[in-house]
Amino acid sequence: MTMIYCGELIDDNRMRVIISNDQEQELATLYFERAKLKFTNKPVGMNSWACVDAKTEGLYDYDPTTTPKEIVKNCQDLIREFPTGGVMSITPTEKLSDNE
């Protein structure tokens, strides 16, 4: 089961990540914004992104073992790797372990 994470820069401070399966069926959409001074609950770096909205119903039907922590980590990895947008494939062997 491969999941494809596709990041699209909406503007300088907002990004959308669409998660689809290998048949290009959209499973989830997450929206991220650059961390600003208003995000005061936790310390964040100047180039950090925070998830501000998510629609993930189809994702859990496709892979019920996926956790929210894994989804956000994979999205953060995509944004870090491709800050202006890009595509990344994730297979089950690359999922987070409990030690990470």
PDB file of N, CA and C in Angstrom:
ATOM      1  N   MET A   1       0.838  -1.182   0.000  1.00  0.00           N
ATOM      2  CA  MET A   1       0.000   0.000   0.000  1.00  0.00           C
ATOM      3  C   MET A   1       0.879   1.240   0.000  1.00  0.00           C
ATOM      4  N   THR A   2       0.965   1.893  -1.123  1.00  0.00           N
ATOM      5  CA  THR A   2       1.745   3.117  -1.230  1.00  0.00           C
ATOM      6  C   THR A   2       0.819   4.314  -1.118  1.00  0.00           C
ATOM      7  N   MET A   3       1.245   5.302  -0.340  1.00  0.00           N
ATOM      8  CA  MET A   3       0.511   6.554  -0.254  1.00  0.00           C
ATOM      9  C   MET A   3       1.379   7.647  -0.856  1.00  0.00           C
ATOM     10  N   ILE A   4       0.770   8.501  -1.652  1.00  0.00           N
ATOM     11  CA  ILE A   4       1.479   9.573  -2.328  1.00  0.00           C
ATOM     12  C   ILE A   4       1.091  10.888  -1.669  1.00  0.00           C
ATOM     13  N   TYR A   5       2.095  11.614  -1.209  1.00  0.00           N
ATOM     14  CA  TYR A   5       1.906  12.920  -0.583  1.00  0.00           C
ATOM     15  C   TYR A   5       2.301  13.977  -1.610  1.00  0.00           C
ATOM     16  N   CYS A   6       1.374  14.848  -1.971  1.00  0.00           N
ATOM     17  CA  CYS A   6       1.625  15.879  -2.972  1.00  0.00           C
ATOM     18  C   CYS A   6       1.408  17.249  -2.331  1.00  0.00           C
ATOM     19  N   GLY A   7       2.484  18.021  -2.214  1.00  0.00           N
ATOM     20  CA  GLY A   7       2.407  19.345  -1.611  1.00  0.00           C
ATOM     21  C   GLY A   7       2.265  20.418  -2.657  1.00  0.00           C
ATOM     22  N   GLU A   8       1.397  21.381  -2.381  1.00  0.00           N
ATOM     23  CA  GLU A   8       1.163  22.490  -3.298  1.00  0.00           C
ATOM     24  C   GLU A   8       1.197  23.788  -2.498  1.00  0.00           C
ATOM     25  N   LEU A   9       2.085  24.678  -2.872  1.00  0.00           N
ATOM     26  CA  LEU A   9       2.192  25.972  -2.200  1.00  0.00           C
ATOM     27  C   LEU A   9       1.025  26.855  -2.641  1.00  0.00           C
ATOM     28  N   ILE A  10       0.192  27.272  -1.695  1.00  0.00           N
ATOM     29  CA  ILE A  10      -0.949  28.136  -2.000  1.00  0.00           C
ATOM     30  C   ILE A  10      -0.475  29.583  -2.098  1.00  0.00           C
ATOM     31  N   ASP A  11       0.285  30.015  -1.122  1.00  0.00           N
ATOM     32  CA  ASP A  11       0.980  31.303  -1.146  1.00  0.00           C
ATOM     33  C   ASP A  11       2.204  31.170  -0.256  1.00  0.00           C
ATOM     34  N   ASP A  12       2.894  32.253   0.029  1.00  0.00           N
ATOM     35  CA  ASP A  12       4.147  32.170   0.785  1.00  0.00           C
ATOM     36  C   ASP A  12       3.980  31.592   2.181  1.00  0.00           C
ATOM     37  N   ASN A  13       2.779  31.668   2.735  1.00  0.00           N
ATOM     38  CA  ASN A  13       2.565  31.231   4.111  1.00  0.00           C
ATOM     39  C   ASN A  13       1.616  30.055   4.263  1.00  0.00           C
ATOM     40  N   ARG A  14       1.101  29.511   3.161  1.00  0.00           N
ATOM     41  CA  ARG A  14       0.135  28.410   3.249  1.00  0.00           C
ATOM     42  C   ARG A  14       0.471  27.322   2.231  1.00  0.00           C
ATOM     43  N   MET A  15       0.276  26.075   2.635  1.00  0.00           N
ATOM     44  CA  MET A  15       0.520  24.935   1.762  1.00  0.00           C
ATOM     45  C   MET A  15      -0.580  23.903   1.969  1.00  0.00           C
ATOM     46  N   ARG A  16      -0.934  23.234   0.876  1.00  0.00           N
ATOM     47  CA  ARG A  16      -1.908  22.145   0.924  1.00  0.00           C
ATOM     48  C   ARG A  16      -1.173  20.855   0.580  1.00  0.00           C
ATOM     49  N   VAL A  17      -1.423  19.786   1.352  1.00  0.00           N
ATOM     50  CA  VAL A  17      -0.861  18.467   1.079  1.00  0.00           C
ATOM     51  C   VAL A  17      -2.027  17.518   0.832  1.00  0.00           C
ATOM     52  N   ILE A  18      -2.021  16.909  -0.361  1.00  0.00           N
ATOM     53  CA  ILE A  18      -3.043  15.940  -0.724  1.00  0.00           C
ATOM     54  C   ILE A  18      -2.422  14.552  -0.647  1.00  0.00           C
ATOM     55  N   ILE A  19      -3.083  13.656   0.065  1.00  0.00           N
ATOM     56  CA  ILE A  19      -2.613  12.278   0.191  1.00  0.00           C
ATOM     57  C   ILE A  19      -3.522  11.414  -0.673  1.00  0.00           C
ATOM     58  N   SER A  20      -2.904  10.623  -1.554  1.00  0.00           N
ATOM     59  CA  SER A  20      -3.679   9.741  -2.418  1.00  0.00           C
ATOM     60  C   SER A  20      -3.048   8.357  -2.421  1.00  0.00           C
ATOM     61  N   ASN A  21      -3.809   7.381  -2.912  1.00  0.00           N
ATOM     62  CA  ASN A  21      -3.246   6.043  -3.037  1.00  0.00           C
ATOM     63  C   ASN A  21      -2.584   5.911  -4.402  1.00  0.00           C
ATOM     64  N   ASP A  22      -2.032   4.735  -4.707  1.00  0.00           N
ATOM     65  CA  ASP A  22      -1.315   4.572  -5.962  1.00  0.00           C
ATOM     66  C   ASP A  22      -2.242   4.535  -7.175  1.00  0.00           C
ATOM     67  N   GLN A  23      -3.566   4.500  -6.965  1.00  0.00           N
ATOM     68  CA  GLN A  23      -4.512   4.626  -8.075  1.00  0.00           C
ATOM     69  C   GLN A  23      -4.998   6.064  -8.219  1.00  0.00           C
ATOM     70  N   GLU A  24      -4.320   6.993  -7.561  1.00  0.00           N
ATOM     71  CA  GLU A  24      -4.602   8.427  -7.613  1.00  0.00           C
ATOM     72  C   GLU A  24      -5.970   8.792  -7.052  1.00  0.00           C
ATOM     73  N   GLN A  25      -6.482   7.985  -6.125  1.00  0.00           N
ATOM     74  CA  GLN A  25      -7.713   8.309  -5.427  1.00  0.00           C
ATOM     75  C   GLN A  25      -7.354   9.172  -4.221  1.00  0.00           C
ATOM     76  N   GLU A  26      -7.943  10.354  -4.130  1.00  0.00           N
ATOM     77  CA  GLU A  26      -7.642  11.261  -3.027  1.00  0.00           C
ATOM     78  C   GLU A  26      -8.187  10.709  -1.721  1.00  0.00           C
ATOM     79  N   LEU A  27      -7.302  10.594  -0.710  1.00  0.00           N
ATOM     80  CA  LEU A  27      -7.669  10.029   0.585  1.00  0.00           C
ATOM     81  C   LEU A  27      -7.781  11.077   1.678  1.00  0.00           C
ATOM     82  N   ALA A  28      -6.972  12.130   1.590  1.00  0.00           N
ATOM     83  CA  ALA A  28      -6.958  13.141   2.647  1.00  0.00           C
ATOM     84  C   ALA A  28      -6.364  14.439   2.105  1.00  0.00           C
ATOM     85  N   THR A  29      -6.721  15.540   2.748  1.00  0.00           N
ATOM     86  CA  THR A  29      -6.151  16.844   2.438  1.00  0.00           C
ATOM     87  C   THR A  29      -5.823  17.526   3.756  1.00  0.00           C
ATOM     88  N   LEU A  30      -4.590  18.021   3.864  1.00  0.00           N
ATOM     89  CA  LEU A  30      -4.161  18.746   5.057  1.00  0.00           C
ATOM     90  C   LEU A  30      -3.680  20.125   4.637  1.00  0.00           C
ATOM     91  N   TYR A  31      -3.974  21.114   5.469  1.00  0.00           N
ATOM     92  CA  TYR A  31      -3.558  22.488   5.200  1.00  0.00           C
ATOM     93  C   TYR A  31      -2.566  22.918   6.278  1.00  0.00           C
ATOM     94  N   PHE A  32      -1.487  23.528   5.847  1.00  0.00           N
ATOM     95  CA  PHE A  32      -0.433  23.988   6.742  1.00  0.00           C
ATOM     96  C   PHE A  32      -0.224  25.482   6.562  1.00  0.00           C
ATOM     97  N   GLU A  33       0.141  26.149   7.656  1.00  0.00           N
ATOM     98  CA  GLU A  33       0.534  27.555   7.620  1.00  0.00           C
ATOM     99  C   GLU A  33       1.868  27.701   8.311  1.00  0.00           C
ATOM    100  N   ARG A  34       2.640  28.667   7.846  1.00  0.00           N
ATOM    101  CA  ARG A  34       3.899  28.959   8.541  1.00  0.00           C
ATOM    102  C   ARG A  34       3.585  29.372   9.971  1.00  0.00           C
ATOM    103  N   ALA A  35       4.397  28.883  10.889  1.00  0.00           N
ATOM    104  CA  ALA A  35       4.214  29.244  12.299  1.00  0.00           C
ATOM    105  C   ALA A  35       4.464  30.739  12.463  1.00  0.00           C
ATOM    106  N   LYS A  36       3.589  31.372  13.201  1.00  0.00           N
ATOM    107  CA  LYS A  36       3.686  32.817  13.425  1.00  0.00           C
ATOM    108  C   LYS A  36       3.773  33.079  14.922  1.00  0.00           C
ATOM    109  N   LEU A  37       3.891  34.308  15.252  1.00  0.00           N
ATOM    110  CA  LEU A  37       3.957  34.673  16.667  1.00  0.00           C
ATOM    111  C   LEU A  37       2.698  34.264  17.420  1.00  0.00           C
ATOM    112  N   LYS A  38       1.562  34.144  16.731  1.00  0.00           N
ATOM    113  CA  LYS A  38       0.330  33.761  17.426  1.00  0.00           C
ATOM    114  C   LYS A  38       0.343  32.306  17.881  1.00  0.00           C
ATOM    115  N   PHE A  39       1.239  31.473  17.327  1.00  0.00           N
ATOM    116  CA  PHE A  39       1.389  30.094  17.785  1.00  0.00           C
ATOM    117  C   PHE A  39       2.301  30.107  19.008  1.00  0.00           C
ATOM    118  N   THR A  40       1.735  30.347  20.191  1.00  0.00           N
ATOM    119  CA  THR A  40       2.554  30.539  21.386  1.00  0.00           C
ATOM    120  C   THR A  40       2.534  29.352  22.333  1.00  0.00           C
ATOM    121  N   ASN A  41       1.785  28.307  22.030  1.00  0.00           N
ATOM    122  CA  ASN A  41       1.683  27.184  22.970  1.00  0.00           C
ATOM    123  C   ASN A  41       2.957  26.362  23.044  1.00  0.00           C
ATOM    124  N   LYS A  42       3.676  26.251  21.957  1.00  0.00           N
ATOM    125  CA  LYS A  42       4.905  25.469  21.938  1.00  0.00           C
ATOM    126  C   LYS A  42       5.986  26.268  21.218  1.00  0.00           C
ATOM    127  N   PRO A  43       7.242  26.080  21.587  1.00  0.00           N
ATOM    128  CA  PRO A  43       8.294  26.786  20.867  1.00  0.00           C
ATOM    129  C   PRO A  43       8.421  26.234  19.446  1.00  0.00           C
ATOM    130  N   VAL A  44       8.468  27.127  18.483  1.00  0.00           N
ATOM    131  CA  VAL A  44       8.608  26.727  17.085  1.00  0.00           C
ATOM    132  C   VAL A  44       9.717  27.541  16.440  1.00  0.00           C
ATOM    133  N   GLY A  45      10.338  26.956  15.434  1.00  0.00           N
ATOM    134  CA  GLY A  45      11.365  27.666  14.688  1.00  0.00           C
ATOM    135  C   GLY A  45      10.738  28.639  13.714  1.00  0.00           C
ATOM    136  N   MET A  46      11.537  29.537  13.194  1.00  0.00           N
ATOM    137  CA  MET A  46      11.039  30.548  12.274  1.00  0.00           C
ATOM    138  C   MET A  46      10.556  29.935  10.960  1.00  0.00           C
ATOM    139  N   ASN A  47      11.080  28.776  10.563  1.00  0.00           N
ATOM    140  CA  ASN A  47      10.695  28.165   9.299  1.00  0.00           C
ATOM    141  C   ASN A  47       9.794  26.948   9.530  1.00  0.00           C
ATOM    142  N   SER A  48       9.066  26.911  10.629  1.00  0.00           N
ATOM    143  CA  SER A  48       8.202  25.781  10.951  1.00  0.00           C
ATOM    144  C   SER A  48       6.829  25.963  10.324  1.00  0.00           C
ATOM    145  N   TRP A  49       6.190  24.847  10.080  1.00  0.00           N
ATOM    146  CA  TRP A  49       4.836  24.844   9.535  1.00  0.00           C
ATOM    147  C   TRP A  49       3.925  24.113  10.518  1.00  0.00           C
ATOM    148  N   ALA A  50       2.691  24.589  10.660  1.00  0.00           N
ATOM    149  CA  ALA A  50       1.717  23.967  11.559  1.00  0.00           C
ATOM    150  C   ALA A  50       0.494  23.548  10.760  1.00  0.00           C
ATOM    151  N   CYS A  51      -0.032  22.372  11.067  1.00  0.00           N
ATOM    152  CA  CYS A  51      -1.251  21.889  10.429  1.00  0.00           C
ATOM    153  C   CYS A  51      -2.432  22.653  11.035  1.00  0.00           C
ATOM    154  N   VAL A  52      -3.204  23.321  10.179  1.00  0.00           N
ATOM    155  CA  VAL A  52      -4.316  24.126  10.676  1.00  0.00           C
ATOM    156  C   VAL A  52      -5.677  23.548  10.319  1.00  0.00           C
ATOM    157  N   ASP A  53      -5.710  22.580   9.389  1.00  0.00           N
ATOM    158  CA  ASP A  53      -6.977  21.938   9.031  1.00  0.00           C
ATOM    159  C   ASP A  53      -6.664  20.616   8.338  1.00  0.00           C
ATOM    160  N   ALA A  54      -7.545  19.639   8.510  1.00  0.00           N
ATOM    161  CA  ALA A  54      -7.330  18.328   7.882  1.00  0.00           C
ATOM    162  C   ALA A  54      -8.661  17.636   7.639  1.00  0.00           C
ATOM    163  N   LYS A  55      -8.743  16.978   6.498  1.00  0.00           N
ATOM    164  CA  LYS A  55      -9.888  16.127   6.165  1.00  0.00           C
ATOM    165  C   LYS A  55      -9.292  14.768   5.825  1.00  0.00           C
ATOM    166  N   THR A  56      -9.443  13.795   6.742  1.00  0.00           N
ATOM    167  CA  THR A  56      -8.712  12.527   6.612  1.00  0.00           C
ATOM    168  C   THR A  56      -9.599  11.290   6.620  1.00  0.00           C
ATOM    169  N   GLU A  57     -10.898  11.437   6.431  1.00  0.00           N
ATOM    170  CA  GLU A  57     -11.802  10.295   6.552  1.00  0.00           C
ATOM    171  C   GLU A  57     -11.423   9.148   5.615  1.00  0.00           C
ATOM    172  N   GLY A  58     -11.162   9.407   4.363  1.00  0.00           N
ATOM    173  CA  GLY A  58     -10.839   8.358   3.402  1.00  0.00           C
ATOM    174  C   GLY A  58      -9.531   7.657   3.695  1.00  0.00           C
ATOM    175  N   LEU A  59      -8.617   8.358   4.337  1.00  0.00           N
ATOM    176  CA  LEU A  59      -7.314   7.779   4.652  1.00  0.00           C
ATOM    177  C   LEU A  59      -7.441   6.625   5.635  1.00  0.00           C
ATOM    178  N   TYR A  60      -8.273   6.764   6.635  1.00  0.00           N
ATOM    179  CA  TYR A  60      -8.415   5.709   7.635  1.00  0.00           C
ATOM    180  C   TYR A  60      -9.190   4.506   7.092  1.00  0.00           C
ATOM    181  N   ASP A  61     -10.041   4.728   6.085  1.00  0.00           N
ATOM    182  CA  ASP A  61     -10.689   3.598   5.423  1.00  0.00           C
ATOM    183  C   ASP A  61      -9.670   2.817   4.597  1.00  0.00           C
ATOM    184  N   TYR A  62      -8.756   3.526   3.968  1.00  0.00           N
ATOM    185  CA  TYR A  62      -7.742   2.900   3.117  1.00  0.00           C
ATOM    186  C   TYR A  62      -6.689   2.168   3.941  1.00  0.00           C
ATOM    187  N   ASP A  63      -6.220   2.801   5.021  1.00  0.00           N
ATOM    188  CA  ASP A  63      -5.195   2.198   5.882  1.00  0.00           C
ATOM    189  C   ASP A  63      -5.529   2.494   7.342  1.00  0.00           C
ATOM    190  N   PRO A  64      -6.296   1.620   8.002  1.00  0.00           N
ATOM    191  CA  PRO A  64      -6.717   1.880   9.384  1.00  0.00           C
ATOM    192  C   PRO A  64      -5.574   1.891  10.395  1.00  0.00           C
ATOM    193  N   THR A  65      -4.390   1.409  10.028  1.00  0.00           N
ATOM    194  CA  THR A  65      -3.260   1.402  10.959  1.00  0.00           C
ATOM    195  C   THR A  65      -2.502   2.727  10.967  1.00  0.00           C
ATOM    196  N   THR A  66      -2.787   3.616  10.037  1.00  0.00           N
ATOM    197  CA  THR A  66      -2.116   4.911   9.983  1.00  0.00           C
ATOM    198  C   THR A  66      -2.521   5.759  11.178  1.00  0.00           C
ATOM    199  N   THR A  67      -1.551   6.429  11.783  1.00  0.00           N
ATOM    200  CA  THR A  67      -1.839   7.289  12.933  1.00  0.00           C
ATOM    201  C   THR A  67      -1.709   8.761  12.530  1.00  0.00           C
ATOM    202  N   PRO A  68      -2.379   9.661  13.242  1.00  0.00           N
ATOM    203  CA  PRO A  68      -2.226  11.087  12.960  1.00  0.00           C
ATOM    204  C   PRO A  68      -0.768  11.542  13.058  1.00  0.00           C
ATOM    205  N   LYS A  69      -0.017  10.972  13.991  1.00  0.00           N
ATOM    206  CA  LYS A  69       1.398  11.326  14.147  1.00  0.00           C
ATOM    207  C   LYS A  69       2.179  11.009  12.870  1.00  0.00           C
ATOM    208  N   GLU A  70       1.902   9.858  12.268  1.00  0.00           N
ATOM    209  CA  GLU A  70       2.575   9.477  11.025  1.00  0.00           C
ATOM    210  C   GLU A  70       2.211  10.419   9.882  1.00  0.00           C
ATOM    211  N   ILE A  71       0.933  10.758   9.795  1.00  0.00           N
ATOM    212  CA  ILE A  71       0.476  11.639   8.722  1.00  0.00           C
ATOM    213  C   ILE A  71       1.177  12.986   8.804  1.00  0.00           C
ATOM    214  N   VAL A  72       1.164  13.598   9.981  1.00  0.00           N
ATOM    215  CA  VAL A  72       1.775  14.916  10.142  1.00  0.00           C
ATOM    216  C   VAL A  72       3.286  14.845   9.930  1.00  0.00           C
ATOM    217  N   LYS A  73       3.941  13.806  10.427  1.00  0.00           N
ATOM    218  CA  LYS A  73       5.380  13.662  10.227  1.00  0.00           C
ATOM    219  C   LYS A  73       5.718  13.566   8.742  1.00  0.00           C
ATOM    220  N   ASN A  74       4.958  12.756   8.007  1.00  0.00           N
ATOM    221  CA  ASN A  74       5.216  12.619   6.574  1.00  0.00           C
ATOM    222  C   ASN A  74       4.969  13.926   5.836  1.00  0.00           C
ATOM    223  N   CYS A  75       3.936  14.659   6.223  1.00  0.00           N
ATOM    224  CA  CYS A  75       3.682  15.964   5.609  1.00  0.00           C
ATOM    225  C   CYS A  75       4.812  16.941   5.930  1.00  0.00           C
ATOM    226  N   GLN A  76       5.260  16.957   7.186  1.00  0.00           N
ATOM    227  CA  GLN A  76       6.372  17.833   7.572  1.00  0.00           C
ATOM    228  C   GLN A  76       7.640  17.485   6.798  1.00  0.00           C
ATOM    229  N   ASP A  77       7.902  16.178   6.599  1.00  0.00           N
ATOM    230  CA  ASP A  77       9.059  15.757   5.808  1.00  0.00           C
ATOM    231  C   ASP A  77       8.951  16.259   4.374  1.00  0.00           C
ATOM    232  N   LEU A  78       7.753  16.171   3.800  1.00  0.00           N
ATOM    233  CA  LEU A  78       7.535  16.660   2.446  1.00  0.00           C
ATOM    234  C   LEU A  78       7.796  18.158   2.362  1.00  0.00           C
ATOM    235  N   ILE A  79       7.249  18.914   3.296  1.00  0.00           N
ATOM    236  CA  ILE A  79       7.424  20.369   3.283  1.00  0.00           C
ATOM    237  C   ILE A  79       8.893  20.729   3.464  1.00  0.00           C
ATOM    238  N   ARG A  80       9.589  20.024   4.337  1.00  0.00           N
ATOM    239  CA  ARG A  80      11.011  20.285   4.562  1.00  0.00           C
ATOM    240  C   ARG A  80      11.828  19.985   3.299  1.00  0.00           C
ATOM    241  N   GLU A  81      11.499  18.888   2.624  1.00  0.00           N
ATOM    242  CA  GLU A  81      12.231  18.465   1.430  1.00  0.00           C
ATOM    243  C   GLU A  81      11.896  19.321   0.208  1.00  0.00           C
ATOM    244  N   PHE A  82      10.627  19.701   0.086  1.00  0.00           N
ATOM    245  CA  PHE A  82      10.156  20.469  -1.071  1.00  0.00           C
ATOM    246  C   PHE A  82       9.389  21.696  -0.587  1.00  0.00           C
ATOM    247  N   PRO A  83      10.081  22.749  -0.133  1.00  0.00           N
ATOM    248  CA  PRO A  83       9.392  23.901   0.475  1.00  0.00           C
ATOM    249  C   PRO A  83       8.481  24.669  -0.481  1.00  0.00           C
ATOM    250  N   THR A  84       8.640  24.493  -1.784  1.00  0.00           N
ATOM    251  CA  THR A  84       7.753  25.179  -2.730  1.00  0.00           C
ATOM    252  C   THR A  84       6.747  24.222  -3.351  1.00  0.00           C
ATOM    253  N   GLY A  85       6.693  22.986  -2.861  1.00  0.00           N
ATOM    254  CA  GLY A  85       5.754  21.986  -3.364  1.00  0.00           C
ATOM    255  C   GLY A  85       6.502  20.839  -4.009  1.00  0.00           C
ATOM    256  N   GLY A  86       5.890  19.665  -3.999  1.00  0.00           N
ATOM    257  CA  GLY A  86       6.511  18.494  -4.581  1.00  0.00           C
ATOM    258  C   GLY A  86       5.712  17.252  -4.270  1.00  0.00           C
ATOM    259  N   VAL A  87       6.255  16.101  -4.665  1.00  0.00           N
ATOM    260  CA  VAL A  87       5.563  14.821  -4.483  1.00  0.00           C
ATOM    261  C   VAL A  87       6.503  13.845  -3.796  1.00  0.00           C
ATOM    262  N   MET A  88       5.951  13.046  -2.871  1.00  0.00           N
ATOM    263  CA  MET A  88       6.734  12.054  -2.147  1.00  0.00           C
ATOM    264  C   MET A  88       5.861  10.816  -1.951  1.00  0.00           C
ATOM    265  N   SER A  89       6.413   9.626  -2.223  1.00  0.00           N
ATOM    266  CA  SER A  89       5.692   8.373  -2.006  1.00  0.00           C
ATOM    267  C   SER A  89       6.141   7.750  -0.692  1.00  0.00           C
ATOM    268  N   ILE A  90       5.191   7.234   0.071  1.00  0.00           N
ATOM    269  CA  ILE A  90       5.469   6.581   1.347  1.00  0.00           C
ATOM    270  C   ILE A  90       4.913   5.164   1.279  1.00  0.00           C
ATOM    271  N   THR A  91       5.737   4.187   1.593  1.00  0.00           N
ATOM    272  CA  THR A  91       5.274   2.803   1.662  1.00  0.00           C
ATOM    273  C   THR A  91       5.229   2.378   3.125  1.00  0.00           C
ATOM    274  N   PRO A  92       4.508   1.333   3.460  1.00  0.00           N
ATOM    275  CA  PRO A  92       4.388   0.918   4.865  1.00  0.00           C
ATOM    276  C   PRO A  92       5.732   0.646   5.540  1.00  0.00           C
ATOM    277  N   THR A  93       6.760   0.257   4.813  1.00  0.00           N
ATOM    278  CA  THR A  93       8.050  -0.024   5.437  1.00  0.00           C
ATOM    279  C   THR A  93       8.724   1.247   5.938  1.00  0.00           C
ATOM    280  N   GLU A  94       8.280   2.406   5.504  1.00  0.00           N
ATOM    281  CA  GLU A  94       8.885   3.679   5.904  1.00  0.00           C
ATOM    282  C   GLU A  94       8.123   4.348   7.034  1.00  0.00           C
ATOM    283  N   LYS A  95       7.116   3.681   7.599  1.00  0.00           N
ATOM    284  CA  LYS A  95       6.340   4.282   8.674  1.00  0.00           C
ATOM    285  C   LYS A  95       7.176   4.458   9.928  1.00  0.00           C
ATOM    286  N   LEU A  96       6.727   5.360  10.796  1.00  0.00           N
ATOM    287  CA  LEU A  96       7.402   5.633  12.052  1.00  0.00           C
ATOM    288  C   LEU A  96       7.406   4.409  12.955  1.00  0.00           C
ATOM    289  N   SER A  97       8.481   4.247  13.677  1.00  0.00           N
ATOM    290  CA  SER A  97       8.482   3.240  14.737  1.00  0.00           C
ATOM    291  C   SER A  97       8.160   3.937  16.049  1.00  0.00           C
ATOM    292  N   ASP A  98       7.924   3.176  17.092  1.00  0.00           N
ATOM    293  CA  ASP A  98       7.588   3.761  18.390  1.00  0.00           C
ATOM    294  C   ASP A  98       8.756   4.537  18.987  1.00  0.00           C
ATOM    295  N   ASN A  99       9.977   4.284  18.518  1.00  0.00           N
ATOM    296  CA  ASN A  99      11.159   4.939  19.078  1.00  0.00           C
ATOM    297  C   ASN A  99      11.388   6.327  18.527  1.00  0.00           C
ATOM    298  N   GLU A 100      10.716   6.701  17.449  1.00  0.00           N
ATOM    299  CA  GLU A 100      10.951   8.008  16.850  1.00  0.00           C
ATOM    300  C   GLU A 100      10.064   9.060  17.435  1.00  0.00           C
TER     301      GLU A 100
END
